[in-house]
Amino acid sequence: MIQKTIDSIKPLDQKAIEEAQERQNNLTKPAGSLGRLEEVSIQLAGIFRNPLPAIKDKVIITMAGDHGVAKTGVSAFPPEVTPQMVMNFLYGGAAINALASHVGARITVVDMGVAFDFEPHPNLVDKKVAMGTQNILEGPAMTPEQAKAAVQAGIEVVTEEIEKGLDIVGTGDMGIGNTTPSAAIASVLTGKPAAKIAGRGTGVDDEGLQIKIKAIETAIEVNQPNPNDGFDILAKVGGFEIGGLVGVILGAAANGKAIMVDGFISTAAAMLAVSIAPMVKPYLISAHRSQEFGHQLMLEWLDLEPIVDLNFRLGEGTGAALGISIAEASCKVLSEMATFAEAGVSDKED
């Protein structure tokens, strides 16, 4: 399934891009005056293969998983918070619930590897690979088979949402300690030292930050992930929710859907997805620049310019929700504004 998905990713539709660009240039405004809104609408035209793209069905897929490394002092919160926050998502009390409601998106919550046995819940998708990853300070986070299982699960989840009508997917995450594996992934792929990537995550103090940096360095030294093999990086220093998000990204791109990438953890997943399947990159839109220290370096590696910078460092898909709202606005500008000719307004050439 994974290889078939990768093989299905096509280049963006250049004709739709050119037609959208031409229309933008002829709308009743100076060409380029709406900046990123214009760029996003043109990109969406290429993704949707339609010069007048529209976003109707918006979904945030929030994937949860626990991490063995979380017990080593890399997070300000204990691992027990992961299942507690998953329950909070299910009962509508989290930031992502408020923001998804605000932008008219539905939320799909997925257990990819939480170290807790949930009771069946109609709004919880069970794709649990294992009860959390292993401690990356001592060996690989997961087996190669588990890494592929996580990616395949993500493909399955997004495919099911596409069958319900999904146009654009926002990536979200929950997992205490998951900025540590995300920083390790980024360090391996960018070649930058851990100290240039690691941030405070849930709010660790100076001592905690040094513990975290050392943990990332140790994980890379112990596991020796291959920087040219995204699956190897995922298996050795990743997380089940990160692998699931890789699958979501691959599956959405294969089906011609737009991907609104959230913050630090989601961007690490996007980096892995691009390393596995470079054709996926034009389908990615960066929602925001995280407050996490190394996020800008990760965005530069992906050659992505975030839509906004609101000093977020939460995850869950919160930034992606707001990004989706802006993407929807960009489509409405393109389709609902009049051209100079349609409005009978003189342009600068007249």
C-alpha atoms as a PDB file:
ATOM      1  CA  MET A   1       0.000   0.000   0.000  1.00  0.00           C
ATOM      2  CA  ILE A   2       2.782   2.446   0.881  1.00  0.00           C
ATOM      3  CA  GLN A   3       4.619   2.035  -2.423  1.00  0.00           C
ATOM      4  CA  LYS A   4       1.387   2.202  -4.398  1.00  0.00           C
ATOM      5  CA  THR A   5       0.515   5.430  -2.577  1.00  0.00           C
ATOM      6  CA  ILE A   6       3.918   6.960  -3.307  1.00  0.00           C
ATOM      7  CA  ASP A   7       3.648   5.980  -6.971  1.00  0.00           C
ATOM      8  CA  SER A   8       0.242   7.705  -7.191  1.00  0.00           C
ATOM      9  CA  ILE A   9       1.577  11.177  -6.280  1.00  0.00           C
ATOM     10  CA  LYS A  10       1.440  13.361  -9.395  1.00  0.00           C
ATOM     11  CA  PRO A  11       2.917  16.804 -10.170  1.00  0.00           C
ATOM     12  CA  LEU A  12       0.606  19.758  -9.654  1.00  0.00           C
ATOM     13  CA  ASP A  13      -1.573  20.816 -12.599  1.00  0.00           C
ATOM     14  CA  GLN A  14       0.429  23.569 -14.319  1.00  0.00           C
ATOM     15  CA  LYS A  15      -2.477  24.648 -16.540  1.00  0.00           C
ATOM     16  CA  ALA A  16      -4.683  25.267 -13.487  1.00  0.00           C
ATOM     17  CA  ILE A  17      -1.815  27.152 -11.832  1.00  0.00           C
ATOM     18  CA  GLU A  18      -1.340  29.389 -14.879  1.00  0.00           C
ATOM     19  CA  GLU A  19      -5.063  30.125 -15.174  1.00  0.00           C
ATOM     20  CA  ALA A  20      -5.316  30.933 -11.452  1.00  0.00           C
ATOM     21  CA  GLN A  21      -2.271  33.206 -11.719  1.00  0.00           C
ATOM     22  CA  GLU A  22      -3.775  35.009 -14.694  1.00  0.00           C
ATOM     23  CA  ARG A  23      -7.062  35.549 -12.879  1.00  0.00           C
ATOM     24  CA  GLN A  24      -5.262  36.817  -9.767  1.00  0.00           C
ATOM     25  CA  ASN A  25      -3.393  39.311 -11.935  1.00  0.00           C
ATOM     26  CA  ASN A  26      -6.685  40.608 -13.341  1.00  0.00           C
ATOM     27  CA  LEU A  27      -8.733  40.896 -10.157  1.00  0.00           C
ATOM     28  CA  THR A  28      -9.708  44.397  -9.015  1.00  0.00           C
ATOM     29  CA  LYS A  29      -6.539  45.090  -7.043  1.00  0.00           C
ATOM     30  CA  PRO A  30      -2.898  45.709  -7.828  1.00  0.00           C
ATOM     31  CA  ALA A  31      -1.329  42.413  -8.915  1.00  0.00           C
ATOM     32  CA  GLY A  32       0.319  40.705  -5.942  1.00  0.00           C
ATOM     33  CA  SER A  33      -1.226  43.050  -3.379  1.00  0.00           C
ATOM     34  CA  LEU A  34      -2.789  40.206  -1.397  1.00  0.00           C
ATOM     35  CA  GLY A  35       0.589  38.536  -1.027  1.00  0.00           C
ATOM     36  CA  ARG A  36       0.446  35.066   0.529  1.00  0.00           C
ATOM     37  CA  LEU A  37      -3.310  34.801  -0.054  1.00  0.00           C
ATOM     38  CA  GLU A  38      -2.634  34.923  -3.772  1.00  0.00           C
ATOM     39  CA  GLU A  39       0.205  32.403  -3.548  1.00  0.00           C
ATOM     40  CA  VAL A  40      -1.846  29.926  -1.509  1.00  0.00           C
ATOM     41  CA  SER A  41      -4.833  30.132  -3.868  1.00  0.00           C
ATOM     42  CA  ILE A  42      -2.595  29.478  -6.883  1.00  0.00           C
ATOM     43  CA  GLN A  43      -0.949  26.518  -5.152  1.00  0.00           C
ATOM     44  CA  LEU A  44      -4.386  25.123  -4.277  1.00  0.00           C
ATOM     45  CA  ALA A  45      -5.463  25.488  -7.903  1.00  0.00           C
ATOM     46  CA  GLY A  46      -2.566  23.232  -8.869  1.00  0.00           C
ATOM     47  CA  ILE A  47      -3.265  20.738  -6.080  1.00  0.00           C
ATOM     48  CA  PHE A  48      -7.000  20.497  -6.810  1.00  0.00           C
ATOM     49  CA  ARG A  49      -6.405  20.642 -10.579  1.00  0.00           C
ATOM     50  CA  ASN A  50      -8.990  23.431 -10.757  1.00  0.00           C
ATOM     51  CA  PRO A  51      -8.277  27.119 -11.589  1.00  0.00           C
ATOM     52  CA  LEU A  52     -11.076  28.073  -9.170  1.00  0.00           C
ATOM     53  CA  PRO A  53     -10.293  25.890  -6.145  1.00  0.00           C
ATOM     54  CA  ALA A  54     -12.819  25.585  -3.319  1.00  0.00           C
ATOM     55  CA  ILE A  55     -12.495  24.210   0.200  1.00  0.00           C
ATOM     56  CA  LYS A  56     -15.656  22.692   1.621  1.00  0.00           C
ATOM     57  CA  ASP A  57     -14.635  19.703   3.708  1.00  0.00           C
ATOM     58  CA  LYS A  58     -11.957  20.471   6.307  1.00  0.00           C
ATOM     59  CA  VAL A  59     -10.477  17.862   8.610  1.00  0.00           C
ATOM     60  CA  ILE A  60      -7.869  17.986  11.365  1.00  0.00           C
ATOM     61  CA  ILE A  61      -6.298  14.570  11.970  1.00  0.00           C
ATOM     62  CA  THR A  62      -4.778  14.589  15.442  1.00  0.00           C
ATOM     63  CA  MET A  63      -2.618  11.549  16.099  1.00  0.00           C
ATOM     64  CA  ALA A  64      -1.467  10.500  19.562  1.00  0.00           C
ATOM     65  CA  GLY A  65       1.398   8.351  20.773  1.00  0.00           C
ATOM     66  CA  ASP A  66       3.629   7.898  23.787  1.00  0.00           C
ATOM     67  CA  HIS A  67       7.420   7.884  23.889  1.00  0.00           C
ATOM     68  CA  GLY A  68       9.829   5.864  26.000  1.00  0.00           C
ATOM     69  CA  VAL A  69      12.169   8.856  26.170  1.00  0.00           C
ATOM     70  CA  ALA A  70       9.492  10.878  28.006  1.00  0.00           C
ATOM     71  CA  LYS A  71      10.489   9.177  31.255  1.00  0.00           C
ATOM     72  CA  THR A  72      14.021  10.603  31.104  1.00  0.00           C
ATOM     73  CA  GLY A  73      13.279  14.218  32.002  1.00  0.00           C
ATOM     74  CA  VAL A  74      12.905  15.702  28.519  1.00  0.00           C
ATOM     75  CA  SER A  75       9.382  17.037  29.188  1.00  0.00           C
ATOM     76  CA  ALA A  76       7.853  19.284  31.820  1.00  0.00           C
ATOM     77  CA  PHE A  77       4.764  17.036  31.898  1.00  0.00           C
ATOM     78  CA  PRO A  78       4.500  13.349  32.855  1.00  0.00           C
ATOM     79  CA  PRO A  79       3.589  10.704  30.220  1.00  0.00           C
ATOM     80  CA  GLU A  80       0.170  10.218  31.870  1.00  0.00           C
ATOM     81  CA  VAL A  81      -0.905  13.488  30.259  1.00  0.00           C
ATOM     82  CA  THR A  82      -1.038  11.903  26.763  1.00  0.00           C
ATOM     83  CA  PRO A  83      -4.120   9.713  27.395  1.00  0.00           C
ATOM     84  CA  GLN A  84      -5.671  12.436  29.539  1.00  0.00           C
ATOM     85  CA  MET A  85      -5.412  14.909  26.650  1.00  0.00           C
ATOM     86  CA  VAL A  86      -6.792  12.356  24.192  1.00  0.00           C
ATOM     87  CA  MET A  87      -9.873  12.112  26.406  1.00  0.00           C
ATOM     88  CA  ASN A  88     -10.002  15.907  26.498  1.00  0.00           C
ATOM     89  CA  PHE A  89     -10.036  15.948  22.672  1.00  0.00           C
ATOM     90  CA  LEU A  90     -12.846  13.399  22.599  1.00  0.00           C
ATOM     91  CA  TYR A  91     -14.977  15.422  24.992  1.00  0.00           C
ATOM     92  CA  GLY A  92     -14.347  18.754  23.293  1.00  0.00           C
ATOM     93  CA  GLY A  93     -12.276  20.571  25.897  1.00  0.00           C
ATOM     94  CA  ALA A  94      -8.961  21.218  24.149  1.00  0.00           C
ATOM     95  CA  ALA A  95      -7.623  24.168  22.154  1.00  0.00           C
ATOM     96  CA  ILE A  96      -7.955  22.153  18.936  1.00  0.00           C
ATOM     97  CA  ASN A  97     -11.649  21.600  19.622  1.00  0.00           C
ATOM     98  CA  ALA A  98     -12.254  25.336  19.985  1.00  0.00           C
ATOM     99  CA  LEU A  99     -10.220  26.288  16.917  1.00  0.00           C
ATOM    100  CA  ALA A 100     -11.540  23.500  14.702  1.00  0.00           C
ATOM    101  CA  SER A 101     -15.073  24.563  15.607  1.00  0.00           C
ATOM    102  CA  HIS A 102     -14.151  28.159  14.822  1.00  0.00           C
ATOM    103  CA  VAL A 103     -12.974  27.306  11.288  1.00  0.00           C
ATOM    104  CA  GLY A 104     -15.667  24.695  10.587  1.00  0.00           C
ATOM    105  CA  ALA A 105     -13.376  21.658  10.558  1.00  0.00           C
ATOM    106  CA  ARG A 106     -14.077  18.260  11.992  1.00  0.00           C
ATOM    107  CA  ILE A 107     -11.486  16.466  14.123  1.00  0.00           C
ATOM    108  CA  THR A 108     -10.379  12.868  13.748  1.00  0.00           C
ATOM    109  CA  VAL A 109      -8.527  11.666  16.847  1.00  0.00           C
ATOM    110  CA  VAL A 110      -6.301   8.626  16.322  1.00  0.00           C
ATOM    111  CA  ASP A 111      -4.578   6.422  18.903  1.00  0.00           C
ATOM    112  CA  MET A 112      -1.350   5.495  17.130  1.00  0.00           C
ATOM    113  CA  GLY A 113       0.515   4.250  20.183  1.00  0.00           C
ATOM    114  CA  VAL A 114      -0.681   5.658  23.495  1.00  0.00           C
ATOM    115  CA  ALA A 115       0.501   3.627  26.501  1.00  0.00           C
ATOM    116  CA  PHE A 116      -3.049   3.268  27.787  1.00  0.00           C
ATOM    117  CA  ASP A 117      -6.016   1.000  27.079  1.00  0.00           C
ATOM    118  CA  PHE A 118      -8.890   3.258  26.042  1.00  0.00           C
ATOM    119  CA  GLU A 119     -12.471   2.133  26.268  1.00  0.00           C
ATOM    120  CA  PRO A 120     -14.052   2.068  22.784  1.00  0.00           C
ATOM    121  CA  HIS A 121     -15.264   5.529  21.826  1.00  0.00           C
ATOM    122  CA  PRO A 122     -17.136   6.472  18.636  1.00  0.00           C
ATOM    123  CA  ASN A 123     -14.811   9.416  18.011  1.00  0.00           C
ATOM    124  CA  LEU A 124     -11.525   7.599  18.637  1.00  0.00           C
ATOM    125  CA  VAL A 125      -9.860   5.750  15.757  1.00  0.00           C
ATOM    126  CA  ASP A 126      -7.815   2.823  17.066  1.00  0.00           C
ATOM    127  CA  LYS A 127      -4.627   2.290  15.059  1.00  0.00           C
ATOM    128  CA  LYS A 128      -2.419   1.454  18.037  1.00  0.00           C
ATOM    129  CA  VAL A 129       0.886  -0.001  16.843  1.00  0.00           C
ATOM    130  CA  ALA A 130       2.230  -0.608  20.369  1.00  0.00           C
ATOM    131  CA  MET A 131       1.980   0.809  23.896  1.00  0.00           C
ATOM    132  CA  GLY A 132       4.383   3.639  23.183  1.00  0.00           C
ATOM    133  CA  THR A 133       7.829   3.597  21.603  1.00  0.00           C
ATOM    134  CA  GLN A 134      10.985   2.249  23.201  1.00  0.00           C
ATOM    135  CA  ASN A 135      13.485   4.598  24.841  1.00  0.00           C
ATOM    136  CA  ILE A 136      15.610   6.007  21.998  1.00  0.00           C
ATOM    137  CA  LEU A 137      18.509   6.577  24.388  1.00  0.00           C
ATOM    138  CA  GLU A 138      18.954   2.799  24.584  1.00  0.00           C
ATOM    139  CA  GLY A 139      18.011   1.615  21.083  1.00  0.00           C
ATOM    140  CA  PRO A 140      15.523   2.063  18.232  1.00  0.00           C
ATOM    141  CA  ALA A 141      12.135   3.625  18.932  1.00  0.00           C
ATOM    142  CA  MET A 142      10.425   0.828  16.996  1.00  0.00           C
ATOM    143  CA  THR A 143      11.061  -2.021  14.609  1.00  0.00           C
ATOM    144  CA  PRO A 144      11.152  -1.385  10.837  1.00  0.00           C
ATOM    145  CA  GLU A 145       7.871  -3.316  10.592  1.00  0.00           C
ATOM    146  CA  GLN A 146       6.244  -1.042  13.167  1.00  0.00           C
ATOM    147  CA  ALA A 147       7.451   2.041  11.296  1.00  0.00           C
ATOM    148  CA  LYS A 148       5.789   0.826   8.111  1.00  0.00           C
ATOM    149  CA  ALA A 149       2.656  -0.155  10.042  1.00  0.00           C
ATOM    150  CA  ALA A 150       2.404   3.389  11.424  1.00  0.00           C
ATOM    151  CA  VAL A 151       2.752   4.952   7.966  1.00  0.00           C
ATOM    152  CA  GLN A 152       0.225   2.542   6.491  1.00  0.00           C
ATOM    153  CA  ALA A 153      -2.222   3.343   9.298  1.00  0.00           C
ATOM    154  CA  GLY A 154      -1.936   7.035   8.470  1.00  0.00           C
ATOM    155  CA  ILE A 155      -2.677   6.328   4.811  1.00  0.00           C
ATOM    156  CA  GLU A 156      -5.744   4.318   5.847  1.00  0.00           C
ATOM    157  CA  VAL A 157      -7.043   7.072   8.145  1.00  0.00           C
ATOM    158  CA  VAL A 158      -6.743   9.856   5.573  1.00  0.00           C
ATOM    159  CA  THR A 159      -8.169   7.652   2.795  1.00  0.00           C
ATOM    160  CA  GLU A 160     -11.262   7.053   4.893  1.00  0.00           C
ATOM    161  CA  GLU A 161     -11.633  10.805   5.442  1.00  0.00           C
ATOM    162  CA  ILE A 162     -11.199  11.447   1.713  1.00  0.00           C
ATOM    163  CA  GLU A 163     -14.037   9.016   1.049  1.00  0.00           C
ATOM    164  CA  LYS A 164     -16.186  11.226   3.312  1.00  0.00           C
ATOM    165  CA  GLY A 165     -15.301  14.295   1.195  1.00  0.00           C
ATOM    166  CA  LEU A 166     -12.052  15.745   2.590  1.00  0.00           C
ATOM    167  CA  ASP A 167     -10.577  18.635   0.559  1.00  0.00           C
ATOM    168  CA  ILE A 168      -7.815  19.728   2.921  1.00  0.00           C
ATOM    169  CA  VAL A 169      -6.259  18.015   5.927  1.00  0.00           C
ATOM    170  CA  GLY A 170      -4.590  19.660   8.875  1.00  0.00           C
ATOM    171  CA  THR A 171      -1.969  17.614  10.700  1.00  0.00           C
ATOM    172  CA  GLY A 172      -2.109  17.435  14.486  1.00  0.00           C
ATOM    173  CA  ASP A 173      -0.309  15.544  17.233  1.00  0.00           C
ATOM    174  CA  MET A 174      -0.359  14.674  20.901  1.00  0.00           C
ATOM    175  CA  GLY A 175       2.434  12.885  22.707  1.00  0.00           C
ATOM    176  CA  ILE A 176       4.322  13.911  25.822  1.00  0.00           C
ATOM    177  CA  GLY A 177       8.011  14.019  24.955  1.00  0.00           C
ATOM    178  CA  ASN A 178       7.485  14.102  21.194  1.00  0.00           C
ATOM    179  CA  THR A 179       9.486  17.259  20.527  1.00  0.00           C
ATOM    180  CA  THR A 180      12.575  15.185  21.390  1.00  0.00           C
ATOM    181  CA  PRO A 181      12.173  12.590  18.593  1.00  0.00           C
ATOM    182  CA  SER A 182      11.014  15.367  16.255  1.00  0.00           C
ATOM    183  CA  ALA A 183      14.187  17.327  16.955  1.00  0.00           C
ATOM    184  CA  ALA A 184      16.235  14.164  16.436  1.00  0.00           C
ATOM    185  CA  ILE A 185      14.580  13.647  13.034  1.00  0.00           C
ATOM    186  CA  ALA A 186      15.296  17.261  12.078  1.00  0.00           C
ATOM    187  CA  SER A 187      18.889  17.041  13.283  1.00  0.00           C
ATOM    188  CA  VAL A 188      19.517  13.926  11.185  1.00  0.00           C
ATOM    189  CA  LEU A 189      17.944  15.363   8.030  1.00  0.00           C
ATOM    190  CA  THR A 190      19.361  18.904   8.247  1.00  0.00           C
ATOM    191  CA  GLY A 191      22.754  17.877   9.599  1.00  0.00           C
ATOM    192  CA  LYS A 192      22.407  20.590  12.254  1.00  0.00           C
ATOM    193  CA  PRO A 193      23.455  19.877  15.856  1.00  0.00           C
ATOM    194  CA  ALA A 194      20.781  19.141  18.454  1.00  0.00           C
ATOM    195  CA  ALA A 195      21.489  22.437  20.228  1.00  0.00           C
ATOM    196  CA  LYS A 196      20.398  24.307  17.072  1.00  0.00           C
ATOM    197  CA  ILE A 197      17.115  22.365  16.811  1.00  0.00           C
ATOM    198  CA  ALA A 198      15.848  21.564  20.298  1.00  0.00           C
ATOM    199  CA  GLY A 199      13.430  23.924  22.009  1.00  0.00           C
ATOM    200  CA  ARG A 200      11.636  24.007  25.336  1.00  0.00           C
ATOM    201  CA  GLY A 201       8.655  21.938  24.176  1.00  0.00           C
ATOM    202  CA  THR A 202       6.136  21.813  27.006  1.00  0.00           C
ATOM    203  CA  GLY A 203       8.174  24.453  28.841  1.00  0.00           C
ATOM    204  CA  VAL A 204      11.248  22.787  30.300  1.00  0.00           C
ATOM    205  CA  ASP A 205      13.646  24.992  32.267  1.00  0.00           C
ATOM    206  CA  ASP A 206      17.314  25.562  31.383  1.00  0.00           C
ATOM    207  CA  GLU A 207      18.384  22.327  33.059  1.00  0.00           C
ATOM    208  CA  GLY A 208      15.629  20.414  31.277  1.00  0.00           C
ATOM    209  CA  LEU A 209      16.670  21.868  27.951  1.00  0.00           C
ATOM    210  CA  GLN A 210      20.227  20.638  28.437  1.00  0.00           C
ATOM    211  CA  ILE A 211      18.897  17.170  29.344  1.00  0.00           C
ATOM    212  CA  LYS A 212      16.836  17.238  26.162  1.00  0.00           C
ATOM    213  CA  ILE A 213      19.756  18.287  23.942  1.00  0.00           C
ATOM    214  CA  LYS A 214      21.934  15.538  25.420  1.00  0.00           C
ATOM    215  CA  ALA A 215      19.117  13.023  24.899  1.00  0.00           C
ATOM    216  CA  ILE A 216      18.852  13.920  21.212  1.00  0.00           C
ATOM    217  CA  GLU A 217      22.619  13.646  20.763  1.00  0.00           C
ATOM    218  CA  THR A 218      22.666  10.283  22.544  1.00  0.00           C
ATOM    219  CA  ALA A 219      19.723   8.921  20.535  1.00  0.00           C
ATOM    220  CA  ILE A 220      21.439   9.758  17.252  1.00  0.00           C
ATOM    221  CA  GLU A 221      24.784   8.379  18.433  1.00  0.00           C
ATOM    222  CA  VAL A 222      23.269   5.134  19.729  1.00  0.00           C
ATOM    223  CA  ASN A 223      20.994   4.471  16.755  1.00  0.00           C
ATOM    224  CA  GLN A 224      22.975   5.908  13.820  1.00  0.00           C
ATOM    225  CA  PRO A 225      19.914   6.621  11.617  1.00  0.00           C
ATOM    226  CA  ASN A 226      20.609   6.786   7.887  1.00  0.00           C
ATOM    227  CA  PRO A 227      19.952  10.398   6.747  1.00  0.00           C
ATOM    228  CA  ASN A 228      19.054   9.119   3.271  1.00  0.00           C
ATOM    229  CA  ASP A 229      16.365   6.690   4.495  1.00  0.00           C
ATOM    230  CA  GLY A 230      13.207   8.214   5.951  1.00  0.00           C
ATOM    231  CA  PHE A 231      11.887   4.873   7.170  1.00  0.00           C
ATOM    232  CA  ASP A 232      15.152   4.151   8.977  1.00  0.00           C
ATOM    233  CA  ILE A 233      15.044   7.553  10.699  1.00  0.00           C
ATOM    234  CA  LEU A 234      11.414   6.997  11.733  1.00  0.00           C
ATOM    235  CA  ALA A 235      12.140   3.536  13.118  1.00  0.00           C
ATOM    236  CA  LYS A 236      15.254   4.553  15.020  1.00  0.00           C
ATOM    237  CA  VAL A 237      14.360   7.936  16.534  1.00  0.00           C
ATOM    238  CA  GLY A 238      10.721   8.648  15.607  1.00  0.00           C
ATOM    239  CA  GLY A 239       7.286   8.101  17.095  1.00  0.00           C
ATOM    240  CA  PHE A 240       4.110   6.267  16.175  1.00  0.00           C
ATOM    241  CA  GLU A 241       2.087   9.480  15.811  1.00  0.00           C
ATOM    242  CA  ILE A 242       4.871  10.942  13.661  1.00  0.00           C
ATOM    243  CA  GLY A 243       4.791   7.870  11.417  1.00  0.00           C
ATOM    244  CA  GLY A 244       1.013   8.141  11.224  1.00  0.00           C
ATOM    245  CA  LEU A 245       1.303  11.750  10.089  1.00  0.00           C
ATOM    246  CA  VAL A 246       3.808  10.687   7.411  1.00  0.00           C
ATOM    247  CA  GLY A 247       1.114   8.356   6.107  1.00  0.00           C
ATOM    248  CA  VAL A 248      -1.534  11.080   6.250  1.00  0.00           C
ATOM    249  CA  ILE A 249       0.696  13.353   4.175  1.00  0.00           C
ATOM    250  CA  LEU A 250       1.513  10.669   1.596  1.00  0.00           C
ATOM    251  CA  GLY A 251      -2.109   9.546   1.318  1.00  0.00           C
ATOM    252  CA  ALA A 252      -3.481  13.066   0.952  1.00  0.00           C
ATOM    253  CA  ALA A 253      -0.959  13.963  -1.762  1.00  0.00           C
ATOM    254  CA  ALA A 254      -1.658  10.726  -3.642  1.00  0.00           C
ATOM    255  CA  ASN A 255      -5.328  11.702  -3.767  1.00  0.00           C
ATOM    256  CA  GLY A 256      -4.736  15.311  -4.845  1.00  0.00           C
ATOM    257  CA  LYS A 257      -5.629  16.862  -1.491  1.00  0.00           C
ATOM    258  CA  ALA A 258      -3.943  19.795   0.241  1.00  0.00           C
ATOM    259  CA  ILE A 259      -1.970  19.309   3.440  1.00  0.00           C
ATOM    260  CA  MET A 260      -1.845  22.087   6.040  1.00  0.00           C
ATOM    261  CA  VAL A 261       1.204  21.312   8.163  1.00  0.00           C
ATOM    262  CA  ASP A 262       0.999  22.333  11.809  1.00  0.00           C
ATOM    263  CA  GLY A 263       4.071  23.011  13.938  1.00  0.00           C
ATOM    264  CA  PHE A 264       7.258  21.310  15.098  1.00  0.00           C
ATOM    265  CA  ILE A 265       6.119  17.666  15.253  1.00  0.00           C
ATOM    266  CA  SER A 266       4.038  17.888  12.069  1.00  0.00           C
ATOM    267  CA  THR A 267       6.949  19.524  10.258  1.00  0.00           C
ATOM    268  CA  ALA A 268       9.238  16.662  11.322  1.00  0.00           C
ATOM    269  CA  ALA A 269       6.671  14.272   9.814  1.00  0.00           C
ATOM    270  CA  ALA A 270       6.569  16.378   6.641  1.00  0.00           C
ATOM    271  CA  MET A 271      10.368  16.189   6.409  1.00  0.00           C
ATOM    272  CA  LEU A 272      10.222  12.396   6.619  1.00  0.00           C
ATOM    273  CA  ALA A 273       7.431  12.292   4.026  1.00  0.00           C
ATOM    274  CA  VAL A 274       9.483  14.429   1.623  1.00  0.00           C
ATOM    275  CA  SER A 275      12.592  12.301   2.217  1.00  0.00           C
ATOM    276  CA  ILE A 276      10.533   9.190   1.379  1.00  0.00           C
ATOM    277  CA  ALA A 277       8.622  10.745  -1.532  1.00  0.00           C
ATOM    278  CA  PRO A 278       9.981  14.106  -2.807  1.00  0.00           C
ATOM    279  CA  MET A 279       6.912  14.528  -5.067  1.00  0.00           C
ATOM    280  CA  VAL A 280       4.858  15.269  -1.944  1.00  0.00           C
ATOM    281  CA  LYS A 281       6.442  18.686  -1.317  1.00  0.00           C
ATOM    282  CA  PRO A 282       4.211  20.854  -3.583  1.00  0.00           C
ATOM    283  CA  TYR A 283       1.157  19.563  -1.685  1.00  0.00           C
ATOM    284  CA  LEU A 284       2.439  20.998   1.615  1.00  0.00           C
ATOM    285  CA  ILE A 285       1.407  24.351   3.056  1.00  0.00           C
ATOM    286  CA  SER A 286       3.059  25.481   6.286  1.00  0.00           C
ATOM    287  CA  ALA A 287       0.462  26.937   8.623  1.00  0.00           C
ATOM    288  CA  HIS A 288       2.726  28.749  11.058  1.00  0.00           C
ATOM    289  CA  ARG A 289       6.196  29.225  12.437  1.00  0.00           C
ATOM    290  CA  SER A 290       6.430  27.541  15.811  1.00  0.00           C
ATOM    291  CA  GLN A 291       8.116  29.130  18.796  1.00  0.00           C
ATOM    292  CA  GLU A 292      10.226  25.963  18.994  1.00  0.00           C
ATOM    293  CA  PHE A 293      13.851  26.909  18.450  1.00  0.00           C
ATOM    294  CA  GLY A 294      14.690  24.840  15.377  1.00  0.00           C
ATOM    295  CA  HIS A 295      11.410  25.081  13.503  1.00  0.00           C
ATOM    296  CA  GLN A 296      12.702  27.764  11.141  1.00  0.00           C
ATOM    297  CA  LEU A 297      15.620  25.518  10.128  1.00  0.00           C
ATOM    298  CA  MET A 298      13.152  22.727   9.413  1.00  0.00           C
ATOM    299  CA  LEU A 299      11.007  25.019   7.269  1.00  0.00           C
ATOM    300  CA  GLU A 300      14.094  26.161   5.378  1.00  0.00           C
ATOM    301  CA  TRP A 301      15.029  22.524   4.700  1.00  0.00           C
ATOM    302  CA  LEU A 302      11.539  22.018   3.248  1.00  0.00           C
ATOM    303  CA  ASP A 303      11.652  25.398   1.441  1.00  0.00           C
ATOM    304  CA  LEU A 304       8.325  26.364   3.001  1.00  0.00           C
ATOM    305  CA  GLU A 305       7.211  29.839   4.047  1.00  0.00           C
ATOM    306  CA  PRO A 306       4.712  29.719   6.933  1.00  0.00           C
ATOM    307  CA  ILE A 307       1.460  31.629   6.600  1.00  0.00           C
ATOM    308  CA  VAL A 308       1.532  33.172  10.087  1.00  0.00           C
ATOM    309  CA  ASP A 309       3.713  33.449  13.183  1.00  0.00           C
ATOM    310  CA  LEU A 310       1.687  33.578  16.390  1.00  0.00           C
ATOM    311  CA  ASN A 311       4.326  32.277  18.830  1.00  0.00           C
ATOM    312  CA  PHE A 312       2.500  28.926  19.060  1.00  0.00           C
ATOM    313  CA  ARG A 313       4.138  25.863  20.609  1.00  0.00           C
ATOM    314  CA  LEU A 314       1.130  23.694  21.366  1.00  0.00           C
ATOM    315  CA  GLY A 315       0.622  21.187  18.557  1.00  0.00           C
ATOM    316  CA  GLU A 316      -2.705  19.333  18.402  1.00  0.00           C
ATOM    317  CA  GLY A 317      -3.299  20.861  14.947  1.00  0.00           C
ATOM    318  CA  THR A 318      -4.117  24.289  16.368  1.00  0.00           C
ATOM    319  CA  GLY A 319      -1.969  26.236  13.905  1.00  0.00           C
ATOM    320  CA  ALA A 320      -3.177  24.036  11.057  1.00  0.00           C
ATOM    321  CA  ALA A 321      -6.788  24.918  11.868  1.00  0.00           C
ATOM    322  CA  LEU A 322      -6.070  28.631  11.495  1.00  0.00           C
ATOM    323  CA  GLY A 323      -4.034  27.934   8.351  1.00  0.00           C
ATOM    324  CA  ILE A 324      -6.978  26.119   6.815  1.00  0.00           C
ATOM    325  CA  SER A 325      -9.172  29.152   7.494  1.00  0.00           C
ATOM    326  CA  ILE A 326      -6.694  31.355   5.630  1.00  0.00           C
ATOM    327  CA  ALA A 327      -6.481  28.854   2.763  1.00  0.00           C
ATOM    328  CA  GLU A 328     -10.264  28.939   2.483  1.00  0.00           C
ATOM    329  CA  ALA A 329     -10.143  32.738   2.420  1.00  0.00           C
ATOM    330  CA  SER A 330      -7.571  32.612  -0.399  1.00  0.00           C
ATOM    331  CA  CYS A 331      -9.916  30.490  -2.504  1.00  0.00           C
ATOM    332  CA  LYS A 332     -12.811  32.881  -1.933  1.00  0.00           C
ATOM    333  CA  VAL A 333     -10.698  35.855  -3.000  1.00  0.00           C
ATOM    334  CA  LEU A 334      -9.810  34.059  -6.226  1.00  0.00           C
ATOM    335  CA  SER A 335     -13.342  32.962  -7.067  1.00  0.00           C
ATOM    336  CA  GLU A 336     -15.542  35.717  -5.600  1.00  0.00           C
ATOM    337  CA  MET A 337     -13.636  38.892  -6.488  1.00  0.00           C
ATOM    338  CA  ALA A 338     -14.391  40.432  -9.855  1.00  0.00           C
ATOM    339  CA  THR A 339     -11.825  41.014 -12.542  1.00  0.00           C
ATOM    340  CA  PHE A 340     -11.325  44.525 -13.934  1.00  0.00           C
ATOM    341  CA  ALA A 341     -13.296  43.518 -17.026  1.00  0.00           C
ATOM    342  CA  GLU A 342     -16.148  41.957 -15.030  1.00  0.00           C
ATOM    343  CA  ALA A 343     -16.460  44.997 -12.750  1.00  0.00           C
ATOM    344  CA  GLY A 344     -16.017  47.620 -15.464  1.00  0.00           C
ATOM    345  CA  VAL A 345     -13.106  49.110 -13.501  1.00  0.00           C
ATOM    346  CA  SER A 346     -10.161  50.630 -15.346  1.00  0.00           C
ATOM    347  CA  ASP A 347      -6.880  48.851 -14.678  1.00  0.00           C
ATOM    348  CA  LYS A 348      -3.478  50.524 -14.836  1.00  0.00           C
ATOM    349  CA  GLU A 349      -3.108  49.718 -18.527  1.00  0.00           C
ATOM    350  CA  ASP A 350      -6.405  51.497 -19.291  1.00  0.00           C
END
